[in-house]
Amino acid sequence: MANSSESKPQIEPEAGFSQVDHAYDLDETAKAADYKADAVAAENAEHNMTVLEAVRAYPMASFWAFVMSCTIVSSLARSPAKETRS
């Protein structure tokens, strides 16, 4: 049986890809003010959306809200009305 290192070719990483050494340091160096400013800008953008823009931006959330609304309305329609006798 031949040596296993001789039969398998050596795989070298591609030259175009490199590992980011300090990926976890990015959050530590960011300032809280930057996060807050980005959050405020995103909130303002969402508040200024029309209904159709919101449905296009968040289709699954819109679908969930529609299904839940239909569920609540149909459960209220099926509940028996309380009869009051005088």
N, C-alpha and C. Protein backbone atom coordinates (compact mmCIF):
# COMPACT_ATOMS: atom_id res chain seq x y z
N MET A 1 0.85 -1.17 0.00
CA MET A 1 0.00 0.00 0.00
C MET A 1 0.89 1.23 0.00
N ALA A 2 0.53 2.20 -0.80
CA ALA A 2 1.34 3.40 -0.93
C ALA A 2 1.09 4.33 0.25
N ASN A 3 2.00 5.21 0.49
CA ASN A 3 1.87 6.19 1.55
C ASN A 3 0.70 7.11 1.24
N SER A 4 -0.16 7.38 2.22
CA SER A 4 -1.37 8.17 1.97
C SER A 4 -1.06 9.61 1.60
N SER A 5 0.05 10.15 2.07
CA SER A 5 0.39 11.53 1.72
C SER A 5 0.85 11.64 0.27
N GLU A 6 1.38 10.55 -0.30
CA GLU A 6 1.80 10.58 -1.69
C GLU A 6 0.63 10.43 -2.65
N SER A 7 -0.41 9.72 -2.26
CA SER A 7 -1.53 9.47 -3.17
C SER A 7 -2.52 10.64 -3.21
N LYS A 8 -2.59 11.44 -2.16
CA LYS A 8 -3.53 12.56 -2.12
C LYS A 8 -2.80 13.86 -2.46
N PRO A 9 -3.36 14.63 -3.39
CA PRO A 9 -2.71 15.91 -3.70
C PRO A 9 -2.88 16.90 -2.55
N GLN A 10 -1.93 17.75 -2.38
CA GLN A 10 -1.99 18.78 -1.35
C GLN A 10 -2.91 19.90 -1.82
N ILE A 11 -3.82 20.31 -0.98
CA ILE A 11 -4.77 21.37 -1.32
C ILE A 11 -4.28 22.65 -0.66
N GLU A 12 -4.05 23.65 -1.46
CA GLU A 12 -3.61 24.94 -0.97
C GLU A 12 -4.76 25.94 -1.06
N PRO A 13 -4.90 26.84 -0.10
CA PRO A 13 -5.95 27.87 -0.18
C PRO A 13 -5.71 28.81 -1.35
N GLU A 14 -6.79 29.30 -1.90
CA GLU A 14 -6.67 30.22 -3.03
C GLU A 14 -6.06 31.53 -2.57
N ALA A 15 -5.34 32.15 -3.45
CA ALA A 15 -4.62 33.37 -3.12
C ALA A 15 -5.57 34.55 -2.92
N GLY A 16 -6.75 34.52 -3.54
CA GLY A 16 -7.68 35.65 -3.47
C GLY A 16 -8.43 35.75 -2.16
N PHE A 17 -8.45 34.70 -1.38
CA PHE A 17 -9.21 34.70 -0.14
C PHE A 17 -8.26 34.78 1.05
N SER A 18 -8.63 35.62 2.00
CA SER A 18 -7.82 35.71 3.21
C SER A 18 -8.75 35.76 4.41
N GLN A 19 -8.26 35.30 5.52
CA GLN A 19 -9.04 35.29 6.74
C GLN A 19 -8.92 36.64 7.43
N VAL A 20 -10.03 37.13 7.95
CA VAL A 20 -10.02 38.38 8.68
C VAL A 20 -9.54 38.08 10.10
N ASP A 21 -8.44 38.67 10.48
CA ASP A 21 -7.85 38.37 11.78
C ASP A 21 -8.59 39.04 12.93
N HIS A 22 -9.16 40.21 12.68
CA HIS A 22 -9.75 40.98 13.77
C HIS A 22 -11.25 41.16 13.58
N ALA A 23 -11.94 40.12 13.18
CA ALA A 23 -13.38 40.24 12.92
C ALA A 23 -14.16 40.52 14.20
N TYR A 24 -13.70 40.00 15.32
CA TYR A 24 -14.44 40.18 16.57
C TYR A 24 -14.13 41.51 17.24
N ASP A 25 -13.09 42.19 16.80
CA ASP A 25 -12.74 43.48 17.36
C ASP A 25 -13.58 44.61 16.80
N LEU A 26 -14.32 44.36 15.72
CA LEU A 26 -15.08 45.42 15.08
C LEU A 26 -16.16 45.98 16.00
N ASP A 27 -16.87 45.10 16.71
CA ASP A 27 -17.93 45.56 17.61
C ASP A 27 -17.36 46.30 18.82
N GLU A 28 -16.20 45.90 19.27
CA GLU A 28 -15.62 46.55 20.43
C GLU A 28 -15.17 47.97 20.13
N THR A 29 -14.74 48.21 18.90
CA THR A 29 -14.24 49.53 18.56
C THR A 29 -15.34 50.49 18.12
N ALA A 30 -16.50 49.95 17.76
CA ALA A 30 -17.61 50.83 17.33
C ALA A 30 -18.16 51.56 18.54
N LYS A 31 -18.59 52.77 18.31
CA LYS A 31 -19.11 53.58 19.40
C LYS A 31 -20.62 53.42 19.51
N ALA A 32 -21.14 53.57 20.71
CA ALA A 32 -22.58 53.44 20.94
C ALA A 32 -23.35 54.54 20.21
N ALA A 33 -22.75 55.69 20.06
CA ALA A 33 -23.42 56.79 19.36
C ALA A 33 -23.65 56.45 17.89
N ASP A 34 -22.71 55.72 17.29
CA ASP A 34 -22.89 55.31 15.90
C ASP A 34 -24.05 54.35 15.75
N TYR A 35 -24.17 53.40 16.69
CA TYR A 35 -25.27 52.46 16.67
C TYR A 35 -26.60 53.20 16.85
N LYS A 36 -26.63 54.14 17.77
CA LYS A 36 -27.86 54.87 18.04
C LYS A 36 -28.27 55.71 16.83
N ALA A 37 -27.32 56.35 16.19
CA ALA A 37 -27.63 57.17 15.02
C ALA A 37 -28.17 56.31 13.89
N ASP A 38 -27.60 55.13 13.69
CA ASP A 38 -28.09 54.22 12.66
C ASP A 38 -29.49 53.72 12.98
N ALA A 39 -29.75 53.43 14.25
CA ALA A 39 -31.07 52.95 14.66
C ALA A 39 -32.13 54.03 14.48
N VAL A 40 -31.80 55.26 14.80
CA VAL A 40 -32.74 56.37 14.64
C VAL A 40 -33.04 56.60 13.16
N ALA A 41 -32.01 56.51 12.33
CA ALA A 41 -32.22 56.69 10.88
C ALA A 41 -33.10 55.59 10.31
N ALA A 42 -32.89 54.36 10.74
CA ALA A 42 -33.71 53.24 10.26
C ALA A 42 -35.15 53.37 10.75
N GLU A 43 -35.33 53.80 11.99
CA GLU A 43 -36.68 54.00 12.53
C GLU A 43 -37.42 55.09 11.76
N ASN A 44 -36.74 56.18 11.47
CA ASN A 44 -37.37 57.26 10.70
C ASN A 44 -37.75 56.79 9.30
N ALA A 45 -36.88 55.98 8.69
CA ALA A 45 -37.18 55.47 7.35
C ALA A 45 -38.41 54.56 7.38
N GLU A 46 -38.54 53.73 8.40
CA GLU A 46 -39.71 52.85 8.51
C GLU A 46 -40.98 53.63 8.81
N HIS A 47 -40.88 54.67 9.62
CA HIS A 47 -42.06 55.47 9.94
C HIS A 47 -42.55 56.27 8.74
N ASN A 48 -41.66 56.59 7.81
CA ASN A 48 -42.04 57.36 6.63
C ASN A 48 -42.51 56.49 5.47
N MET A 49 -42.56 55.16 5.65
CA MET A 49 -43.00 54.25 4.60
C MET A 49 -44.52 54.32 4.43
N THR A 50 -44.96 54.16 3.17
CA THR A 50 -46.39 53.98 2.93
C THR A 50 -46.72 52.51 3.19
N VAL A 51 -48.00 52.19 3.15
CA VAL A 51 -48.42 50.81 3.41
C VAL A 51 -47.85 49.87 2.35
N LEU A 52 -47.92 50.25 1.09
CA LEU A 52 -47.40 49.38 0.03
C LEU A 52 -45.89 49.21 0.12
N GLU A 53 -45.18 50.25 0.49
CA GLU A 53 -43.73 50.13 0.66
C GLU A 53 -43.40 49.17 1.81
N ALA A 54 -44.18 49.24 2.88
CA ALA A 54 -43.96 48.35 4.02
C ALA A 54 -44.26 46.90 3.65
N VAL A 55 -45.32 46.68 2.87
CA VAL A 55 -45.66 45.31 2.45
C VAL A 55 -44.56 44.76 1.54
N ARG A 56 -44.03 45.59 0.66
CA ARG A 56 -42.95 45.15 -0.22
C ARG A 56 -41.66 44.91 0.55
N ALA A 57 -41.40 45.71 1.56
CA ALA A 57 -40.17 45.56 2.33
C ALA A 57 -40.24 44.39 3.30
N TYR A 58 -41.41 44.12 3.85
CA TYR A 58 -41.58 43.07 4.86
C TYR A 58 -42.76 42.17 4.48
N PRO A 59 -42.63 41.34 3.43
CA PRO A 59 -43.77 40.54 2.98
C PRO A 59 -44.20 39.47 3.98
N MET A 60 -43.28 38.82 4.65
CA MET A 60 -43.67 37.76 5.59
C MET A 60 -44.33 38.35 6.84
N ALA A 61 -43.87 39.48 7.30
CA ALA A 61 -44.50 40.13 8.45
C ALA A 61 -45.91 40.59 8.09
N SER A 62 -46.08 41.07 6.87
CA SER A 62 -47.40 41.49 6.42
C SER A 62 -48.34 40.30 6.31
N PHE A 63 -47.82 39.18 5.79
CA PHE A 63 -48.63 37.96 5.69
C PHE A 63 -49.04 37.47 7.07
N TRP A 64 -48.10 37.48 8.02
CA TRP A 64 -48.40 37.04 9.39
C TRP A 64 -49.48 37.92 10.01
N ALA A 65 -49.38 39.23 9.83
CA ALA A 65 -50.38 40.15 10.39
C ALA A 65 -51.74 39.91 9.76
N PHE A 66 -51.78 39.64 8.46
CA PHE A 66 -53.04 39.36 7.77
C PHE A 66 -53.67 38.08 8.30
N VAL A 67 -52.88 37.02 8.43
CA VAL A 67 -53.40 35.74 8.92
C VAL A 67 -53.90 35.88 10.35
N MET A 68 -53.15 36.56 11.19
CA MET A 68 -53.58 36.72 12.59
C MET A 68 -54.85 37.55 12.69
N SER A 69 -54.98 38.57 11.87
CA SER A 69 -56.19 39.39 11.87
C SER A 69 -57.39 38.56 11.44
N CYS A 70 -57.22 37.76 10.40
CA CYS A 70 -58.31 36.90 9.95
C CYS A 70 -58.68 35.87 11.01
N THR A 71 -57.70 35.34 11.70
CA THR A 71 -57.96 34.37 12.76
C THR A 71 -58.77 34.98 13.90
N ILE A 72 -58.40 36.18 14.30
CA ILE A 72 -59.11 36.84 15.40
C ILE A 72 -60.53 37.19 14.99
N VAL A 73 -60.70 37.72 13.79
CA VAL A 73 -62.04 38.09 13.33
C VAL A 73 -62.92 36.87 13.19
N SER A 74 -62.38 35.77 12.64
CA SER A 74 -63.21 34.58 12.47
C SER A 74 -63.54 33.93 13.81
N SER A 75 -62.65 34.01 14.79
CA SER A 75 -62.97 33.44 16.10
C SER A 75 -64.03 34.28 16.81
N LEU A 76 -64.03 35.59 16.59
CA LEU A 76 -65.07 36.42 17.19
C LEU A 76 -66.41 36.22 16.50
N ALA A 77 -66.39 35.94 15.22
CA ALA A 77 -67.63 35.74 14.47
C ALA A 77 -68.27 34.42 14.87
N ARG A 78 -67.50 33.44 15.26
CA ARG A 78 -68.04 32.12 15.62
C ARG A 78 -68.53 32.06 17.06
N SER A 79 -68.09 32.96 17.89
CA SER A 79 -68.48 32.89 19.31
C SER A 79 -69.96 33.20 19.43
N PRO A 80 -70.66 32.43 20.23
CA PRO A 80 -72.10 32.67 20.38
C PRO A 80 -72.38 33.99 21.10
N ALA A 81 -73.38 34.65 20.63
CA ALA A 81 -73.76 35.92 21.26
C ALA A 81 -74.48 35.62 22.57
N LYS A 82 -74.21 36.42 23.55
CA LYS A 82 -74.89 36.23 24.84
C LYS A 82 -76.29 36.80 24.72
N GLU A 83 -77.23 35.97 25.11
CA GLU A 83 -78.62 36.43 25.05
C GLU A 83 -79.00 36.98 26.41
N THR A 84 -79.63 38.10 26.40
CA THR A 84 -80.11 38.70 27.65
C THR A 84 -81.63 38.66 27.62
N ARG A 85 -82.20 38.12 28.64
CA ARG A 85 -83.64 38.08 28.73
C ARG A 85 -84.08 38.99 29.87
N SER A 86 -85.09 39.76 29.60
CA SER A 86 -85.57 40.63 30.65
C SER A 86 -86.85 40.17 31.23
